[in-house]
Amino acid sequence: MAQTPDVPPNLYHDLLEAIADGVYFTDRERRIAYWNRGAEALTGYGRAEVVGRRCMDNLLVHIDDAGTRLCLGHCPLAATLEDGEPREADVYLHHREGHRVPVRVRVFPIRDAGGAVTGAVEVFNDNTAARRAAEHLERMERLALLDHLTGIANRRRAESALRSRLEELRRNGWGFGVLMMDIDDFKAVNDTYGHETGDRVLRLVGRTLEAGARSFDLVGRWGGEEFVAVVAGADRGALHEAGERLRMLVAHSSLDGDLPLAVTLSVGCAEARPGDTPESLVARADRMLYEAKRSGKNQVCSLENRGLPPGGPENGDPYP
């Protein structure tokens, strides 16, 4: 039988002090008994200013999106002290310097040996980035630029990005490239597992591609099981590397179930050229995608790795 390792006496305290999240403990009267460094950083209030005071005594004064002061009757921490149920909420806390900070709070009860609630612990973190992402998502949905199934950019948004990048190439010489990506044998997935599972696969692939792309690149669903990435500032070698990274991430993703279901991607790369249109650029990437399929699937194909000349038709490029 394995022996349980000894836990250093200060380990849990040291862990709480090391994390970036704010953490504080209160008793049943909501009097603060512990305040970690993360809480100091997020609120501006030092431990000596806070411990022994109640959280609503002109300190955090949480409000919601409507401006309701939660400490006056709708406080998640007070509710958890009352019924012992954990809670979470998105609120705004009051910073020591006067401004409001959006935070996600999670509250958990503290119980004694008999199970009675003797206090609560609240964990909170800066929610600015998540709120901005949600707002951006809402704006994209309003503009009908998101694919309804996968939640990533749709073809309309991708075509707009292609036009913008081509204009930047024409005006400023800023290079970029396109990856056309297609799920291998997707029809067999639908035929074998059904269209609901096929939709789950499309969501898995779309979200994996978006998570694996750089923040200034765009990944979208082109149509059906085909996806596109518009990769900024990439020469042919960097474009191929980006395609390989995305191919690898999808190959290492899977749906959970009795038998985990994994799929692969074939990827075609095309570097933008002066004089390209969105149609000509996508057509070249599509030709490379076809080569990747023809050569065995689950691979990235570009002019470079096929040993083909890099120029246009005048240089013998068979895929103008």
Protein backbone atom coordinates (compact mmCIF):
# COMPACT_ATOMS: atom_id res chain seq x y z
CA MET A 1 0.00 0.00 0.00
CA ALA A 2 1.44 3.37 -1.00
CA GLN A 3 2.37 5.65 1.87
CA THR A 4 0.74 9.09 1.88
CA PRO A 5 3.47 11.73 1.70
CA ASP A 6 3.82 14.13 4.61
CA VAL A 7 2.41 17.57 3.85
CA PRO A 8 4.58 20.47 5.03
CA PRO A 9 2.65 22.43 7.68
CA ASN A 10 2.66 25.69 5.68
CA LEU A 11 2.04 24.17 2.23
CA TYR A 12 -1.61 25.24 1.83
CA HIS A 13 -0.91 28.73 3.10
CA ASP A 14 2.03 29.07 0.70
CA LEU A 15 -0.10 27.86 -2.22
CA LEU A 16 -2.84 30.40 -1.44
CA GLU A 17 -0.25 33.16 -1.30
CA ALA A 18 1.30 32.10 -4.61
CA ILE A 19 -1.81 32.05 -6.81
CA ALA A 20 -2.90 35.10 -8.80
CA ASP A 21 -6.59 34.73 -7.84
CA GLY A 22 -7.89 36.71 -4.92
CA VAL A 23 -8.90 34.53 -1.94
CA TYR A 24 -10.46 35.55 1.35
CA PHE A 25 -12.19 33.76 4.23
CA THR A 26 -15.01 35.17 6.37
CA ASP A 27 -16.88 34.07 9.46
CA ARG A 28 -20.67 33.92 9.64
CA GLU A 29 -20.81 37.69 10.19
CA ARG A 30 -18.88 38.18 6.96
CA ARG A 31 -15.87 39.41 8.95
CA ILE A 32 -12.68 38.80 6.95
CA ALA A 33 -10.21 36.44 8.62
CA TYR A 34 -7.77 35.87 5.75
CA TRP A 35 -6.78 37.95 2.70
CA ASN A 36 -4.15 36.64 0.28
CA ARG A 37 -1.67 38.49 -1.93
CA GLY A 38 -3.84 37.93 -5.00
CA ALA A 39 -6.66 39.80 -3.26
CA GLU A 40 -4.27 42.63 -2.45
CA ALA A 41 -3.17 42.89 -6.08
CA LEU A 42 -6.70 42.80 -7.53
CA THR A 43 -8.29 45.25 -5.07
CA GLY A 44 -5.45 47.53 -3.93
CA TYR A 45 -6.35 46.84 -0.28
CA GLY A 46 -3.53 45.51 1.90
CA ARG A 47 -4.08 42.72 4.38
CA ALA A 48 -3.73 45.01 7.39
CA GLU A 49 -6.52 47.26 6.05
CA VAL A 50 -8.94 44.39 5.56
CA VAL A 51 -8.57 41.58 8.10
CA GLY A 52 -11.05 42.00 10.93
CA ARG A 53 -13.43 44.15 8.87
CA ARG A 54 -16.56 43.02 7.08
CA CYS A 55 -16.37 42.69 3.31
CA MET A 56 -19.20 45.21 2.83
CA ASP A 57 -17.73 47.93 5.09
CA ASN A 58 -16.83 50.36 2.28
CA LEU A 59 -14.44 47.78 0.87
CA LEU A 60 -15.38 45.64 -2.12
CA VAL A 61 -19.03 46.78 -2.31
CA HIS A 62 -19.91 44.41 -5.16
CA ILE A 63 -22.41 45.61 -7.74
CA ASP A 64 -23.95 43.81 -10.71
CA ASP A 65 -24.45 44.97 -14.31
CA ALA A 66 -27.50 46.97 -13.27
CA GLY A 67 -25.61 48.79 -10.51
CA THR A 68 -27.37 46.92 -7.69
CA ARG A 69 -25.31 46.91 -4.48
CA LEU A 70 -25.17 43.20 -3.76
CA CYS A 71 -24.09 43.60 -0.14
CA LEU A 72 -27.52 45.04 0.64
CA GLY A 73 -29.39 41.84 -0.07
CA HIS A 74 -28.19 39.89 -3.10
CA CYS A 75 -24.65 38.97 -2.02
CA PRO A 76 -23.52 35.50 -3.20
CA LEU A 77 -21.37 35.10 -0.10
CA ALA A 78 -24.26 35.93 2.24
CA ALA A 79 -26.51 33.47 0.41
CA THR A 80 -23.90 30.70 0.73
CA LEU A 81 -23.58 31.40 4.46
CA GLU A 82 -27.35 31.05 4.69
CA ASP A 83 -27.92 27.80 2.79
CA GLY A 84 -24.45 26.22 2.46
CA GLU A 85 -24.62 26.06 -1.34
CA PRO A 86 -21.62 27.12 -3.49
CA ARG A 87 -22.22 29.96 -5.96
CA GLU A 88 -20.54 31.93 -8.69
CA ALA A 89 -21.33 35.27 -10.29
CA ASP A 90 -19.91 38.00 -12.50
CA VAL A 91 -19.78 41.26 -10.54
CA TYR A 92 -17.83 44.49 -10.21
CA LEU A 93 -15.75 45.12 -7.10
CA HIS A 94 -14.62 48.48 -5.76
CA HIS A 95 -10.86 49.05 -6.09
CA ARG A 96 -9.03 51.02 -3.42
CA GLU A 97 -8.28 53.75 -5.99
CA GLY A 98 -11.98 54.16 -6.69
CA HIS A 99 -12.57 52.41 -10.00
CA ARG A 100 -14.58 49.28 -10.64
CA VAL A 101 -12.99 45.94 -11.61
CA PRO A 102 -15.04 43.21 -13.32
CA VAL A 103 -14.47 39.90 -11.53
CA ARG A 104 -15.80 36.37 -11.56
CA VAL A 105 -16.46 35.33 -7.94
CA ARG A 106 -16.85 31.77 -6.67
CA VAL A 107 -18.07 31.21 -3.11
CA PHE A 108 -17.82 27.99 -1.10
CA PRO A 109 -19.02 27.23 2.44
CA ILE A 110 -16.66 26.42 5.31
CA ARG A 111 -18.08 23.74 7.62
CA ASP A 112 -17.14 22.45 11.05
CA ALA A 113 -16.75 18.76 11.94
CA GLY A 114 -20.50 18.48 12.43
CA GLY A 115 -21.31 19.93 9.01
CA ALA A 116 -22.54 23.32 10.23
CA VAL A 117 -21.58 26.33 8.10
CA THR A 118 -19.14 28.45 10.08
CA GLY A 119 -17.92 30.74 7.33
CA ALA A 120 -17.21 31.03 3.64
CA VAL A 121 -14.34 31.37 1.22
CA GLU A 122 -14.56 33.58 -1.84
CA VAL A 123 -12.21 33.18 -4.81
CA PHE A 124 -12.21 35.93 -7.43
CA ASN A 125 -10.25 36.84 -10.54
CA ASP A 126 -10.12 39.70 -13.02
CA ASN A 127 -12.81 39.06 -15.62
CA THR A 128 -11.91 41.89 -18.01
CA ALA A 129 -10.60 39.69 -20.83
CA ALA A 130 -13.54 37.27 -20.63
CA ARG A 131 -16.08 40.11 -20.67
CA ARG A 132 -14.39 41.72 -23.66
CA ALA A 133 -14.32 38.38 -25.46
CA ALA A 134 -18.03 37.90 -24.76
CA GLU A 135 -18.79 41.41 -26.01
CA HIS A 136 -16.73 40.77 -29.13
CA LEU A 137 -18.62 37.51 -29.68
CA GLU A 138 -21.93 39.32 -29.38
CA ARG A 139 -20.83 41.96 -31.87
CA MET A 140 -19.71 39.28 -34.32
CA GLU A 141 -23.04 37.48 -33.98
CA ARG A 142 -24.93 40.72 -34.58
CA LEU A 143 -22.93 41.28 -37.72
CA ALA A 144 -23.65 37.73 -38.91
CA LEU A 145 -19.95 36.97 -39.17
CA LEU A 146 -19.92 33.80 -37.10
CA ASP A 147 -20.64 30.26 -38.18
CA HIS A 148 -23.70 29.20 -36.20
CA LEU A 149 -22.51 25.62 -35.65
CA THR A 150 -18.84 26.01 -34.67
CA GLY A 151 -18.88 29.53 -33.23
CA ILE A 152 -15.85 30.60 -35.30
CA ALA A 153 -15.73 33.03 -38.23
CA ASN A 154 -17.92 32.13 -41.19
CA ARG A 155 -17.08 32.28 -44.88
CA ARG A 156 -18.29 35.86 -45.19
CA ARG A 157 -15.87 36.95 -42.44
CA ALA A 158 -13.02 34.94 -43.97
CA GLU A 159 -13.58 36.45 -47.41
CA SER A 160 -13.54 39.93 -45.86
CA ALA A 161 -10.23 39.12 -44.14
CA LEU A 162 -8.77 37.91 -47.44
CA ARG A 163 -9.74 41.15 -49.19
CA SER A 164 -8.26 43.24 -46.37
CA ARG A 165 -4.97 41.32 -46.36
CA LEU A 166 -4.66 41.54 -50.14
CA GLU A 167 -5.17 45.31 -49.94
CA GLU A 168 -2.43 45.50 -47.27
CA LEU A 169 -0.15 43.46 -49.54
CA ARG A 170 -0.83 45.84 -52.43
CA ARG A 171 -0.40 49.04 -50.39
CA ASN A 172 2.33 48.09 -47.92
CA GLY A 173 3.88 44.84 -49.09
CA TRP A 174 2.71 42.98 -45.99
CA GLY A 175 2.79 39.32 -46.91
CA PHE A 176 0.41 36.63 -45.73
CA GLY A 177 -0.81 33.20 -46.71
CA VAL A 178 -3.86 30.97 -46.72
CA LEU A 179 -4.41 27.47 -45.39
CA MET A 180 -7.30 25.46 -46.80
CA MET A 181 -8.12 22.57 -44.48
CA ASP A 182 -10.51 19.66 -44.95
CA ILE A 183 -11.52 16.92 -42.50
CA ASP A 184 -10.43 13.58 -43.90
CA ASP A 185 -13.17 11.01 -44.55
CA PHE A 186 -15.85 13.16 -42.93
CA LYS A 187 -18.64 11.46 -44.88
CA ALA A 188 -17.70 8.18 -43.18
CA VAL A 189 -18.08 9.89 -39.79
CA ASN A 190 -21.60 11.01 -40.65
CA ASP A 191 -22.52 7.64 -42.16
CA THR A 192 -21.14 5.66 -39.23
CA TYR A 193 -22.01 7.84 -36.22
CA GLY A 194 -24.81 10.10 -37.48
CA HIS A 195 -25.06 13.80 -38.24
CA GLU A 196 -25.28 14.85 -34.59
CA THR A 197 -21.84 13.33 -33.98
CA GLY A 198 -20.67 14.89 -37.24
CA ASP A 199 -21.72 18.30 -35.92
CA ARG A 200 -19.78 17.64 -32.71
CA VAL A 201 -16.71 16.81 -34.81
CA LEU A 202 -17.10 20.05 -36.75
CA ARG A 203 -17.27 22.00 -33.48
CA LEU A 204 -14.24 20.15 -32.11
CA VAL A 205 -12.18 20.90 -35.21
CA GLY A 206 -13.29 24.53 -35.46
CA ARG A 207 -12.53 25.31 -31.83
CA THR A 208 -9.22 23.45 -31.94
CA LEU A 209 -8.13 25.43 -35.00
CA GLU A 210 -9.17 28.73 -33.45
CA ALA A 211 -7.36 27.93 -30.19
CA GLY A 212 -4.22 26.89 -32.09
CA ALA A 213 -4.04 29.98 -34.30
CA ARG A 214 -2.26 33.19 -33.34
CA SER A 215 -4.44 36.03 -32.05
CA PHE A 216 -3.83 38.13 -35.19
CA ASP A 217 -4.62 35.31 -37.64
CA LEU A 218 -8.15 34.35 -38.64
CA VAL A 219 -9.65 30.88 -38.71
CA GLY A 220 -13.05 30.31 -40.27
CA ARG A 221 -15.37 27.63 -41.54
CA TRP A 222 -15.37 27.81 -45.34
CA GLY A 223 -18.25 25.40 -45.80
CA GLY A 224 -19.18 21.81 -45.02
CA GLU A 225 -16.12 20.15 -43.48
CA GLU A 226 -13.68 22.66 -44.98
CA PHE A 227 -11.94 25.36 -42.95
CA VAL A 228 -9.66 28.27 -43.83
CA ALA A 229 -6.92 30.16 -42.01
CA VAL A 230 -5.62 33.57 -43.07
CA VAL A 231 -2.08 33.71 -41.68
CA ALA A 232 -0.47 37.14 -41.41
CA GLY A 233 3.19 37.87 -42.09
CA ALA A 234 4.00 34.33 -43.18
CA ASP A 235 6.42 33.33 -45.91
CA ARG A 236 6.06 29.89 -47.43
CA GLY A 237 8.09 28.10 -44.76
CA ALA A 238 6.27 29.75 -41.86
CA LEU A 239 2.94 29.08 -43.54
CA HIS A 240 3.75 25.39 -43.83
CA GLU A 241 4.76 25.32 -40.14
CA ALA A 242 1.45 26.95 -39.17
CA GLY A 243 -0.44 24.35 -41.18
CA GLU A 244 1.52 21.54 -39.58
CA ARG A 245 0.79 22.86 -36.10
CA LEU A 246 -2.94 23.02 -36.76
CA ARG A 247 -2.95 19.59 -38.40
CA MET A 248 -1.16 18.13 -35.37
CA LEU A 249 -3.54 19.74 -32.86
CA VAL A 250 -6.59 18.31 -34.61
CA ALA A 251 -4.97 14.87 -34.90
CA HIS A 252 -4.43 14.90 -31.12
CA SER A 253 -8.02 15.92 -30.32
CA SER A 254 -10.93 13.53 -29.88
CA LEU A 255 -14.53 13.27 -28.78
CA ASP A 256 -15.10 11.43 -25.52
CA GLY A 257 -17.27 8.36 -25.53
CA ASP A 258 -17.20 4.59 -25.31
CA LEU A 259 -14.72 4.68 -28.19
CA PRO A 260 -13.01 8.09 -28.47
CA LEU A 261 -13.50 9.48 -31.98
CA ALA A 262 -10.59 11.29 -33.63
CA VAL A 263 -10.27 12.79 -37.09
CA THR A 264 -7.45 14.18 -39.19
CA LEU A 265 -6.99 17.14 -41.53
CA SER A 266 -5.47 17.57 -44.92
CA VAL A 267 -4.04 21.05 -45.41
CA GLY A 268 -3.10 23.04 -48.50
CA CYS A 269 -0.90 26.17 -48.29
CA ALA A 270 -0.68 29.15 -50.64
CA GLU A 271 1.38 32.30 -50.15
CA ALA A 272 -0.28 35.48 -51.42
CA ARG A 273 1.25 37.14 -54.50
CA PRO A 274 0.91 40.66 -55.89
CA GLY A 275 -2.02 40.69 -58.25
CA ASP A 276 -3.87 37.88 -56.44
CA THR A 277 -7.60 38.00 -55.94
CA PRO A 278 -9.33 36.11 -53.14
CA GLU A 279 -10.46 33.59 -55.74
CA SER A 280 -7.00 32.99 -57.25
CA LEU A 281 -5.36 32.66 -53.83
CA VAL A 282 -7.96 30.22 -52.53
CA ALA A 283 -7.75 28.25 -55.79
CA ARG A 284 -4.00 27.71 -55.31
CA ALA A 285 -4.50 26.62 -51.70
CA ASP A 286 -7.27 24.29 -52.86
CA ARG A 287 -4.91 22.69 -55.39
CA MET A 288 -2.41 22.02 -52.62
CA LEU A 289 -5.23 20.61 -50.48
CA TYR A 290 -6.07 18.23 -53.32
CA GLU A 291 -2.41 17.18 -53.45
CA ALA A 292 -2.45 16.48 -49.70
CA LYS A 293 -5.54 14.29 -50.14
CA ARG A 294 -4.11 12.51 -53.17
CA SER A 295 -0.84 11.84 -51.34
CA GLY A 296 -2.41 10.02 -48.41
CA LYS A 297 -4.31 12.60 -46.27
CA ASN A 298 -3.43 13.85 -42.78
CA GLN A 299 -0.63 16.00 -44.14
CA VAL A 300 0.27 19.54 -45.16
CA CYS A 301 1.05 20.28 -48.78
CA SER A 302 2.60 23.40 -50.29
CA LEU A 303 4.65 24.21 -53.38
CA GLU A 304 7.73 23.98 -51.20
CA ASN A 305 7.25 20.50 -49.77
CA ARG A 306 6.02 19.11 -53.11
CA GLY A 307 9.25 20.22 -54.76
CA LEU A 308 7.40 22.51 -57.14
CA PRO A 309 8.77 25.81 -58.44
CA PRO A 310 7.76 28.88 -56.40
CA GLY A 311 6.84 31.24 -59.24
CA GLY A 312 3.74 31.67 -61.38
CA PRO A 313 2.92 29.94 -64.66
CA GLU A 314 5.85 31.66 -66.32
CA ASN A 315 8.18 29.73 -63.98
CA GLY A 316 6.53 26.39 -64.56
CA ASP A 317 4.12 26.48 -61.60
CA PRO A 318 1.52 23.82 -62.51
CA TYR A 319 -0.92 25.37 -60.01
CA PRO A 320 -1.37 29.02 -61.01
